[in-house]
Each structure stands twice: as structure tokens, then as C-alpha cells.
């Protein structure tokens, strides 16, 4: 049991209690290790070795492990894709409509509830320091920035489009397919023409 725990948190990795259970480790064993100081609880159901030091993607990792359905979106997705210089003080993520948002007290979050078709379109997984984090593709992120322009600002949407094209993170066709999927094709087209002509 102890060996399984050590392997799960080796190399500075986070371990979810559910992963420990899947490896035959009981909650009592985890509690004993926390009490002895050979395991550290960093969030509800998340554990690390005592030597663990949070990295640049710490909040995103916690989100992914605490809420597997969360898909990083908007500002936060732009950051993961290296398409913005802005660093908002919260993590934006999407959940399907009807799903209850988790209680995350470790950092500030902003939840966007999306209809199933919008939610499911363009999900990718990125390995952020050993944790797979769901994030929308660059094209879907740009389309979402235009869809939620009244909440995040049209300047953010325009910057996302410009940076996505400049960095070749997505093609015009990819962006227009995503725009059609979230029904902002007519909104985005004039800005796309202005940037590309």
C-alpha cells in the first residue's frame, strides 16, 4: 500500500483520493500518512508528497482533478494556448448546463454553463506538468470569446482572433467551423475580414 502511494505522488505529482482507491489504497491509509506527515493534503481529496512545490499550472491541475468535467475556456484557455499576455485573477471553465459547479475555495473561478452541443465541441487535453487538463481548442476558444463578448469584452475577442491567426494556432477554416458550432459566424466575419484584408 505504502509503495503504491509513493509511486502515485512521485516526481511532484498530485494524487486524487479516487486514484489511490483504484490502486487498493484505503482512506485510512491516506489519513494515517497525512497524520504522520509523509503525505500532505492540498485540497479536498488531493494529496502530494511533503516535498511538493506548486508550479505555474497548479490551479489548473487542481481544477482538473477536482472536477473532471471542467473544460478550461475563454481567458484561461487563451493563456494555456499562449495567445494572450493578460493574466486574469480567476480560472474560467465550462460545464454542461444542469451540472452543479464544484465548491472550489483554493482559487477564484468563473463558471460558464453551456448547452451540451456547445460544451462538447472542440475539447482537447493538455498535459500540464503531469496532469491532463481539458481545454477548448484555439478555434473554439476564439469563437467562445465572441459568443461571450458582452461578458469579457469585445477587445479580448478581437485580440484572441488576431493572436490565433498570427501564431497559426488555428486556420481561418477551423475558426469559422467553431463559429458556426456556437452560432457566432455572422458576428465574427466582419472582424475576420478586417484582420485578413
C-alpha atoms as a PDB file:
ATOM      1  CA  UNK A   1       0.000   0.000   0.000  1.00  0.00           C
ATOM      2  CA  UNK A   2       2.705   2.448   1.027  1.00  0.00           C
ATOM      3  CA  UNK A   3       4.652   1.735  -2.179  1.00  0.00           C
ATOM      4  CA  UNK A   4       1.548   2.462  -4.276  1.00  0.00           C
ATOM      5  CA  UNK A   5       1.089   5.803  -2.530  1.00  0.00           C
ATOM      6  CA  UNK A   6       4.727   6.739  -3.012  1.00  0.00           C
ATOM      7  CA  UNK A   7       4.526   5.903  -6.724  1.00  0.00           C
ATOM      8  CA  UNK A   8       1.338   7.954  -7.147  1.00  0.00           C
ATOM      9  CA  UNK A   9       2.911  11.121  -5.705  1.00  0.00           C
ATOM     10  CA  UNK A  10       6.439  10.539  -7.076  1.00  0.00           C
ATOM     11  CA  UNK A  11       8.042  13.287  -9.120  1.00  0.00           C
ATOM     12  CA  UNK A  12       5.917  16.038  -7.596  1.00  0.00           C
ATOM     13  CA  UNK A  13       2.626  14.659  -8.932  1.00  0.00           C
ATOM     14  CA  UNK A  14      -0.757  15.302  -7.367  1.00  0.00           C
ATOM     15  CA  UNK A  15      -2.798  12.292  -6.350  1.00  0.00           C
ATOM     16  CA  UNK A  16      -6.578  12.182  -6.204  1.00  0.00           C
ATOM     17  CA  UNK A  17      -8.109  10.015  -3.476  1.00  0.00           C
ATOM     18  CA  UNK A  18     -10.089   8.201  -6.191  1.00  0.00           C
ATOM     19  CA  UNK A  19      -6.831   7.196  -7.928  1.00  0.00           C
ATOM     20  CA  UNK A  20      -5.473   5.871  -4.630  1.00  0.00           C
ATOM     21  CA  UNK A  21      -8.634   3.794  -4.111  1.00  0.00           C
ATOM     22  CA  UNK A  22      -8.267   2.388  -7.640  1.00  0.00           C
ATOM     23  CA  UNK A  23      -4.779   1.176  -6.608  1.00  0.00           C
ATOM     24  CA  UNK A  24      -6.141  -0.533  -3.489  1.00  0.00           C
ATOM     25  CA  UNK A  25      -5.154   2.189  -1.016  1.00  0.00           C
ATOM     26  CA  UNK A  26      -7.728   2.715   1.729  1.00  0.00           C
ATOM     27  CA  UNK A  27      -8.837   6.134   3.027  1.00  0.00           C
ATOM     28  CA  UNK A  28      -7.493   5.080   6.449  1.00  0.00           C
ATOM     29  CA  UNK A  29      -4.006   4.555   4.998  1.00  0.00           C
ATOM     30  CA  UNK A  30      -4.117   8.021   3.435  1.00  0.00           C
ATOM     31  CA  UNK A  31      -5.311   9.559   6.721  1.00  0.00           C
ATOM     32  CA  UNK A  32      -2.502   7.811   8.625  1.00  0.00           C
ATOM     33  CA  UNK A  33       0.124   9.070   6.183  1.00  0.00           C
ATOM     34  CA  UNK A  34      -1.238  12.644   6.438  1.00  0.00           C
ATOM     35  CA  UNK A  35      -1.155  12.408  10.240  1.00  0.00           C
ATOM     36  CA  UNK A  36       2.464  11.188  10.174  1.00  0.00           C
ATOM     37  CA  UNK A  37       3.448  13.985   7.761  1.00  0.00           C
ATOM     38  CA  UNK A  38       4.557  11.684   4.938  1.00  0.00           C
ATOM     39  CA  UNK A  39       1.646  12.839   2.774  1.00  0.00           C
ATOM     40  CA  UNK A  40       0.136  16.323   2.515  1.00  0.00           C
ATOM     41  CA  UNK A  41      -3.457  17.244   1.689  1.00  0.00           C
ATOM     42  CA  UNK A  42      -3.580  20.313  -0.596  1.00  0.00           C
ATOM     43  CA  UNK A  43      -7.274  20.383  -1.439  1.00  0.00           C
ATOM     44  CA  UNK A  44     -10.332  18.262  -0.820  1.00  0.00           C
ATOM     45  CA  UNK A  45      -9.416  14.755  -1.997  1.00  0.00           C
ATOM     46  CA  UNK A  46      -5.994  15.798  -3.366  1.00  0.00           C
ATOM     47  CA  UNK A  47      -2.650  14.798  -1.898  1.00  0.00           C
ATOM     48  CA  UNK A  48       1.052  15.332  -2.593  1.00  0.00           C
ATOM     49  CA  UNK A  49       4.390  14.379  -1.092  1.00  0.00           C
ATOM     50  CA  UNK A  50       5.750  16.764   1.582  1.00  0.00           C
ATOM     51  CA  UNK A  51       8.419  17.941  -0.906  1.00  0.00           C
ATOM     52  CA  UNK A  52       5.801  19.111  -3.430  1.00  0.00           C
ATOM     53  CA  UNK A  53       6.158  22.690  -4.707  1.00  0.00           C
ATOM     54  CA  UNK A  54       3.295  24.238  -6.743  1.00  0.00           C
ATOM     55  CA  UNK A  55       4.206  25.128 -10.321  1.00  0.00           C
ATOM     56  CA  UNK A  56       2.789  27.626 -12.819  1.00  0.00           C
ATOM     57  CA  UNK A  57      -0.196  25.378 -13.636  1.00  0.00           C
ATOM     58  CA  UNK A  58      -1.110  24.451 -10.054  1.00  0.00           C
ATOM     59  CA  UNK A  59      -4.663  25.917 -10.085  1.00  0.00           C
ATOM     60  CA  UNK A  60      -5.445  24.278 -13.441  1.00  0.00           C
ATOM     61  CA  UNK A  61      -4.223  20.923 -12.122  1.00  0.00           C
ATOM     62  CA  UNK A  62      -6.393  21.185  -9.014  1.00  0.00           C
ATOM     63  CA  UNK A  63      -9.408  22.088 -11.162  1.00  0.00           C
ATOM     64  CA  UNK A  64      -8.856  19.112 -13.488  1.00  0.00           C
ATOM     65  CA  UNK A  65      -8.506  16.637 -10.645  1.00  0.00           C
ATOM     66  CA  UNK A  66     -11.347  18.028  -8.530  1.00  0.00           C
ATOM     67  CA  UNK A  67     -13.791  18.466 -11.426  1.00  0.00           C
ATOM     68  CA  UNK A  68     -13.074  16.108 -14.362  1.00  0.00           C
ATOM     69  CA  UNK A  69     -15.938  17.600 -16.453  1.00  0.00           C
ATOM     70  CA  UNK A  70     -14.491  21.121 -16.284  1.00  0.00           C
ATOM     71  CA  UNK A  71     -13.183  22.456 -19.600  1.00  0.00           C
ATOM     72  CA  UNK A  72     -10.897  25.481 -19.367  1.00  0.00           C
ATOM     73  CA  UNK A  73     -12.278  28.282 -21.555  1.00  0.00           C
ATOM     74  CA  UNK A  74     -12.005  31.953 -22.580  1.00  0.00           C
ATOM     75  CA  UNK A  75      -9.154  33.953 -20.921  1.00  0.00           C
ATOM     76  CA  UNK A  76      -7.808  30.853 -19.225  1.00  0.00           C
ATOM     77  CA  UNK A  77      -7.765  28.806 -22.432  1.00  0.00           C
ATOM     78  CA  UNK A  78      -6.008  31.695 -24.203  1.00  0.00           C
ATOM     79  CA  UNK A  79      -3.336  31.516 -21.524  1.00  0.00           C
ATOM     80  CA  UNK A  80      -2.841  27.757 -21.959  1.00  0.00           C
ATOM     81  CA  UNK A  81      -2.573  28.204 -25.742  1.00  0.00           C
ATOM     82  CA  UNK A  82      -0.142  31.123 -25.295  1.00  0.00           C
ATOM     83  CA  UNK A  83      -2.498  33.504 -27.104  1.00  0.00           C
ATOM     84  CA  UNK A  84      -2.631  36.322 -24.554  1.00  0.00           C
ATOM     85  CA  UNK A  85      -0.353  38.340 -22.338  1.00  0.00           C
ATOM     86  CA  UNK A  86      -3.163  39.017 -19.852  1.00  0.00           C
ATOM     87  CA  UNK A  87      -3.252  37.065 -16.604  1.00  0.00           C
ATOM     88  CA  UNK A  88      -6.746  37.266 -15.110  1.00  0.00           C
ATOM     89  CA  UNK A  89      -7.056  36.545 -11.405  1.00  0.00           C
ATOM     90  CA  UNK A  90      -9.518  33.701 -11.939  1.00  0.00           C
ATOM     91  CA  UNK A  91      -9.842  30.486 -13.910  1.00  0.00           C
ATOM     92  CA  UNK A  92     -12.711  30.361 -16.407  1.00  0.00           C
ATOM     93  CA  UNK A  93     -14.153  26.954 -17.144  1.00  0.00           C
ATOM     94  CA  UNK A  94     -17.217  25.439 -18.773  1.00  0.00           C
ATOM     95  CA  UNK A  95     -19.623  22.806 -17.534  1.00  0.00           C
ATOM     96  CA  UNK A  96     -22.698  21.335 -19.233  1.00  0.00           C
ATOM     97  CA  UNK A  97     -25.988  23.016 -18.352  1.00  0.00           C
ATOM     98  CA  UNK A  98     -27.658  21.322 -15.423  1.00  0.00           C
ATOM     99  CA  UNK A  99     -24.355  20.261 -13.887  1.00  0.00           C
ATOM    100  CA  UNK A 100     -23.603  21.595 -10.422  1.00  0.00           C
ATOM    101  CA  UNK A 101     -20.372  23.550 -10.054  1.00  0.00           C
ATOM    102  CA  UNK A 102     -17.905  22.167  -7.507  1.00  0.00           C
ATOM    103  CA  UNK A 103     -17.046  24.152  -4.388  1.00  0.00           C
ATOM    104  CA  UNK A 104     -13.503  25.318  -5.120  1.00  0.00           C
ATOM    105  CA  UNK A 105     -12.088  27.543  -2.400  1.00  0.00           C
ATOM    106  CA  UNK A 106      -8.412  27.256  -3.367  1.00  0.00           C
ATOM    107  CA  UNK A 107      -8.607  29.958  -6.075  1.00  0.00           C
ATOM    108  CA  UNK A 108     -11.105  32.215  -7.842  1.00  0.00           C
ATOM    109  CA  UNK A 109     -13.161  30.674 -10.626  1.00  0.00           C
ATOM    110  CA  UNK A 110     -15.783  31.744 -13.135  1.00  0.00           C
ATOM    111  CA  UNK A 111     -18.125  29.070 -14.449  1.00  0.00           C
ATOM    112  CA  UNK A 112     -19.861  29.178 -17.823  1.00  0.00           C
ATOM    113  CA  UNK A 113     -22.730  26.714 -18.207  1.00  0.00           C
ATOM    114  CA  UNK A 114     -23.085  25.662 -21.837  1.00  0.00           C
ATOM    115  CA  UNK A 115     -25.689  23.697 -23.762  1.00  0.00           C
ATOM    116  CA  UNK A 116     -24.405  20.184 -24.474  1.00  0.00           C
ATOM    117  CA  UNK A 117     -23.569  20.817 -28.150  1.00  0.00           C
ATOM    118  CA  UNK A 118     -21.563  23.960 -27.362  1.00  0.00           C
ATOM    119  CA  UNK A 119     -19.918  22.350 -24.350  1.00  0.00           C
ATOM    120  CA  UNK A 120     -18.804  19.207 -26.203  1.00  0.00           C
ATOM    121  CA  UNK A 121     -17.355  20.949 -29.275  1.00  0.00           C
ATOM    122  CA  UNK A 122     -13.579  21.411 -29.515  1.00  0.00           C
ATOM    123  CA  UNK A 123     -12.397  19.781 -26.280  1.00  0.00           C
ATOM    124  CA  UNK A 124      -8.685  18.955 -26.171  1.00  0.00           C
ATOM    125  CA  UNK A 125      -6.451  17.640 -23.410  1.00  0.00           C
ATOM    126  CA  UNK A 126      -3.164  19.296 -22.464  1.00  0.00           C
ATOM    127  CA  UNK A 127      -0.539  17.757 -20.229  1.00  0.00           C
ATOM    128  CA  UNK A 128       0.261  20.480 -17.705  1.00  0.00           C
ATOM    129  CA  UNK A 129       3.123  19.292 -15.512  1.00  0.00           C
ATOM    130  CA  UNK A 130       1.850  15.718 -15.419  1.00  0.00           C
ATOM    131  CA  UNK A 131      -1.908  16.366 -15.149  1.00  0.00           C
ATOM    132  CA  UNK A 132      -4.223  16.104 -18.163  1.00  0.00           C
ATOM    133  CA  UNK A 133      -6.345  19.249 -18.270  1.00  0.00           C
ATOM    134  CA  UNK A 134      -9.357  19.638 -20.578  1.00  0.00           C
ATOM    135  CA  UNK A 135      -9.264  22.874 -22.560  1.00  0.00           C
ATOM    136  CA  UNK A 136     -11.052  24.147 -25.640  1.00  0.00           C
ATOM    137  CA  UNK A 137      -9.105  24.222 -28.901  1.00  0.00           C
ATOM    138  CA  UNK A 138      -7.760  27.591 -30.068  1.00  0.00           C
ATOM    139  CA  UNK A 139     -10.517  27.855 -32.699  1.00  0.00           C
ATOM    140  CA  UNK A 140     -13.315  27.089 -30.191  1.00  0.00           C
ATOM    141  CA  UNK A 141     -11.740  29.491 -27.694  1.00  0.00           C
ATOM    142  CA  UNK A 142     -11.836  32.319 -30.251  1.00  0.00           C
ATOM    143  CA  UNK A 143     -15.460  31.523 -31.098  1.00  0.00           C
ATOM    144  CA  UNK A 144     -16.353  31.472 -27.395  1.00  0.00           C
ATOM    145  CA  UNK A 145     -14.647  34.829 -26.867  1.00  0.00           C
ATOM    146  CA  UNK A 146     -17.022  36.300 -29.471  1.00  0.00           C
ATOM    147  CA  UNK A 147     -20.016  34.431 -28.025  1.00  0.00           C
ATOM    148  CA  UNK A 148     -19.324  35.854 -24.561  1.00  0.00           C
ATOM    149  CA  UNK A 149     -18.041  39.236 -25.787  1.00  0.00           C
ATOM    150  CA  UNK A 150     -20.563  41.102 -23.622  1.00  0.00           C
ATOM    151  CA  UNK A 151     -19.141  39.422 -20.516  1.00  0.00           C
ATOM    152  CA  UNK A 152     -15.415  39.534 -21.289  1.00  0.00           C
ATOM    153  CA  UNK A 153     -15.182  42.477 -23.707  1.00  0.00           C
ATOM    154  CA  UNK A 154     -15.007  42.721 -27.488  1.00  0.00           C
ATOM    155  CA  UNK A 155     -11.343  43.787 -27.238  1.00  0.00           C
ATOM    156  CA  UNK A 156     -10.486  40.364 -25.754  1.00  0.00           C
ATOM    157  CA  UNK A 157     -12.372  38.621 -28.566  1.00  0.00           C
ATOM    158  CA  UNK A 158     -10.567  40.634 -31.261  1.00  0.00           C
ATOM    159  CA  UNK A 159      -7.180  40.036 -29.623  1.00  0.00           C
ATOM    160  CA  UNK A 160      -7.887  36.289 -29.436  1.00  0.00           C
ATOM    161  CA  UNK A 161      -8.704  36.201 -33.150  1.00  0.00           C
ATOM    162  CA  UNK A 162      -5.657  38.246 -34.124  1.00  0.00           C
ATOM    163  CA  UNK A 163      -3.242  36.230 -31.957  1.00  0.00           C
ATOM    164  CA  UNK A 164      -4.693  32.901 -33.061  1.00  0.00           C
ATOM    165  CA  UNK A 165      -4.137  33.757 -36.723  1.00  0.00           C
ATOM    166  CA  UNK A 166      -0.748  35.404 -36.146  1.00  0.00           C
ATOM    167  CA  UNK A 167       0.544  32.404 -34.185  1.00  0.00           C
ATOM    168  CA  UNK A 168      -1.068  29.942 -36.626  1.00  0.00           C
ATOM    169  CA  UNK A 169      -2.786  28.200 -33.714  1.00  0.00           C
ATOM    170  CA  UNK A 170      -5.815  27.588 -35.955  1.00  0.00           C
ATOM    171  CA  UNK A 171      -6.725  28.176 -39.575  1.00  0.00           C
ATOM    172  CA  UNK A 172      -9.483  30.504 -40.799  1.00  0.00           C
ATOM    173  CA  UNK A 173     -11.500  27.390 -41.718  1.00  0.00           C
ATOM    174  CA  UNK A 174     -11.101  25.978 -38.187  1.00  0.00           C
ATOM    175  CA  UNK A 175     -12.223  29.268 -36.657  1.00  0.00           C
ATOM    176  CA  UNK A 176     -15.251  29.546 -38.946  1.00  0.00           C
ATOM    177  CA  UNK A 177     -16.286  25.943 -38.218  1.00  0.00           C
ATOM    178  CA  UNK A 178     -16.128  26.704 -34.487  1.00  0.00           C
ATOM    179  CA  UNK A 179     -18.009  29.984 -35.053  1.00  0.00           C
ATOM    180  CA  UNK A 180     -20.788  28.068 -36.820  1.00  0.00           C
ATOM    181  CA  UNK A 181     -20.886  25.499 -33.988  1.00  0.00           C
ATOM    182  CA  UNK A 182     -21.509  28.217 -31.386  1.00  0.00           C
ATOM    183  CA  UNK A 183     -23.611  30.414 -33.726  1.00  0.00           C
ATOM    184  CA  UNK A 184     -21.403  33.494 -33.930  1.00  0.00           C
ATOM    185  CA  UNK A 185     -20.444  33.194 -37.605  1.00  0.00           C
ATOM    186  CA  UNK A 186     -22.111  36.497 -38.566  1.00  0.00           C
ATOM    187  CA  UNK A 187     -20.571  38.264 -35.569  1.00  0.00           C
ATOM    188  CA  UNK A 188     -17.010  37.134 -36.211  1.00  0.00           C
ATOM    189  CA  UNK A 189     -16.956  37.504 -40.023  1.00  0.00           C
ATOM    190  CA  UNK A 190     -16.513  41.317 -40.206  1.00  0.00           C
ATOM    191  CA  UNK A 191     -13.619  41.196 -37.711  1.00  0.00           C
ATOM    192  CA  UNK A 192     -12.029  38.297 -39.576  1.00  0.00           C
ATOM    193  CA  UNK A 193     -12.265  40.210 -42.861  1.00  0.00           C
ATOM    194  CA  UNK A 194     -10.817  43.316 -41.204  1.00  0.00           C
ATOM    195  CA  UNK A 195      -7.803  41.396 -39.886  1.00  0.00           C
ATOM    196  CA  UNK A 196      -7.095  39.365 -43.018  1.00  0.00           C
ATOM    197  CA  UNK A 197      -7.557  42.063 -45.694  1.00  0.00           C
END
